[in-house]
Amino acid sequence: MKKKREKMELVPGTRYRGWGVVNDYGQFDFTPEATGTRVGTIKQVCQRDGVTVSHTKDHIIVHIKMRKLVSLTQYMGEIWNKFSTVINILREYEI
């Protein structure tokens, strides 16, 4: 079952914040930034060394970007380094 696409009301020549992706087949897909009633709900605190920390009213959101590795031991070492960065960010900022 194919995902139905919704029609977007975009004005030519206007700059829009959002995300664009080109897949392997050359198709371009643009998702505009959410500008509804919940704008600003998620606030970014810090981004450093492949770790992004954001927060909402009730939650802390941690996004970790890791490179692909060969062994489980290397993954564990990389995860340990990323969580050390998260702990340092949480100590540094009052969230």
Protein backbone atom coordinates (compact mmCIF):
# COMPACT_ATOMS: atom_id res chain seq x y z
CA MET A 1 0.00 0.00 0.00
CA LYS A 2 1.50 3.33 -1.08
CA LYS A 3 1.68 6.26 1.26
CA LYS A 4 -0.59 9.05 0.02
CA ARG A 5 1.07 12.39 -0.43
CA GLU A 6 -0.56 15.55 0.82
CA LYS A 7 -0.68 18.65 -1.33
CA MET A 8 1.54 21.43 0.00
CA GLU A 9 0.71 25.09 -0.49
CA LEU A 10 4.17 26.47 -1.26
CA VAL A 11 4.70 29.83 -3.00
CA PRO A 12 7.48 29.91 -5.64
CA GLY A 13 10.37 32.20 -4.71
CA THR A 14 9.69 32.06 -0.96
CA ARG A 15 12.31 30.60 1.37
CA TYR A 16 11.03 27.81 3.58
CA ARG A 17 12.70 26.24 6.58
CA GLY A 18 12.60 22.48 6.54
CA TRP A 19 14.31 19.36 5.27
CA GLY A 20 14.88 18.19 1.72
CA VAL A 21 16.00 14.73 0.69
CA VAL A 22 17.00 13.34 -2.70
CA ASN A 23 16.82 9.55 -2.88
CA ASP A 24 18.84 7.16 -5.09
CA TYR A 25 16.29 7.57 -7.90
CA GLY A 26 16.58 11.35 -8.10
CA GLN A 27 13.25 12.06 -6.44
CA PHE A 28 13.23 15.17 -4.24
CA ASP A 29 11.09 15.20 -1.11
CA PHE A 30 10.71 18.36 0.98
CA THR A 31 9.20 18.46 4.46
CA PRO A 32 8.54 21.99 5.72
CA GLU A 33 9.34 22.86 9.30
CA ALA A 34 6.40 22.54 11.69
CA THR A 35 4.97 26.01 12.17
CA GLY A 36 1.75 25.22 13.99
CA THR A 37 0.66 25.79 17.54
CA ARG A 38 3.49 23.64 18.94
CA VAL A 39 6.38 25.68 17.50
CA GLY A 40 9.19 25.98 20.01
CA THR A 41 8.03 23.05 22.12
CA ILE A 42 11.36 21.28 21.69
CA LYS A 43 14.26 23.57 22.58
CA GLN A 44 17.81 22.62 21.67
CA VAL A 45 20.31 22.98 24.50
CA CYS A 46 23.65 21.96 22.99
CA GLN A 47 25.20 20.13 20.06
CA ARG A 48 28.74 18.80 20.41
CA ASP A 49 30.81 15.78 19.26
CA GLY A 50 27.90 14.01 17.57
CA VAL A 51 25.55 14.49 20.54
CA THR A 52 22.52 16.78 20.53
CA VAL A 53 20.63 17.50 23.75
CA SER A 54 17.18 19.11 23.60
CA HIS A 55 14.37 19.45 26.11
CA THR A 56 10.64 19.89 26.36
CA LYS A 57 8.52 20.77 29.37
CA ASP A 58 8.75 17.25 30.81
CA HIS A 59 11.54 15.42 28.93
CA ILE A 60 15.20 15.58 27.95
CA ILE A 61 15.89 14.34 24.42
CA VAL A 62 19.33 12.95 23.53
CA HIS A 63 20.26 12.32 19.90
CA ILE A 64 23.52 10.45 19.27
CA LYS A 65 25.24 10.20 15.90
CA MET A 66 27.78 7.36 15.59
CA ARG A 67 29.88 6.10 12.73
CA LYS A 68 29.62 2.48 11.67
CA LEU A 69 32.22 0.24 13.27
CA VAL A 70 33.37 -3.36 12.96
CA SER A 71 33.16 -4.92 16.39
CA LEU A 72 30.94 -4.76 19.45
CA THR A 73 33.91 -3.65 21.55
CA GLN A 74 34.42 -0.61 19.32
CA TYR A 75 30.71 0.22 19.55
CA MET A 76 30.80 0.01 23.33
CA GLY A 77 33.80 2.35 23.47
CA GLU A 78 32.08 4.83 21.14
CA ILE A 79 28.85 4.70 23.18
CA TRP A 80 30.82 5.25 26.39
CA ASN A 81 32.46 8.37 24.88
CA LYS A 82 29.08 9.72 23.70
CA PHE A 83 27.46 9.22 27.10
CA SER A 84 30.42 10.95 28.76
CA THR A 85 29.67 13.91 26.49
CA VAL A 86 25.97 13.76 27.47
CA ILE A 87 26.87 13.75 31.18
CA ASN A 88 29.20 16.73 30.70
CA ILE A 89 26.44 18.65 28.88
CA LEU A 90 23.92 17.88 31.63
CA ARG A 91 26.40 19.08 34.27
CA GLU A 92 27.17 22.24 32.29
CA TYR A 93 23.59 23.37 31.59
CA GLU A 94 20.67 23.73 33.97
CA ILE A 95 17.81 21.95 32.24
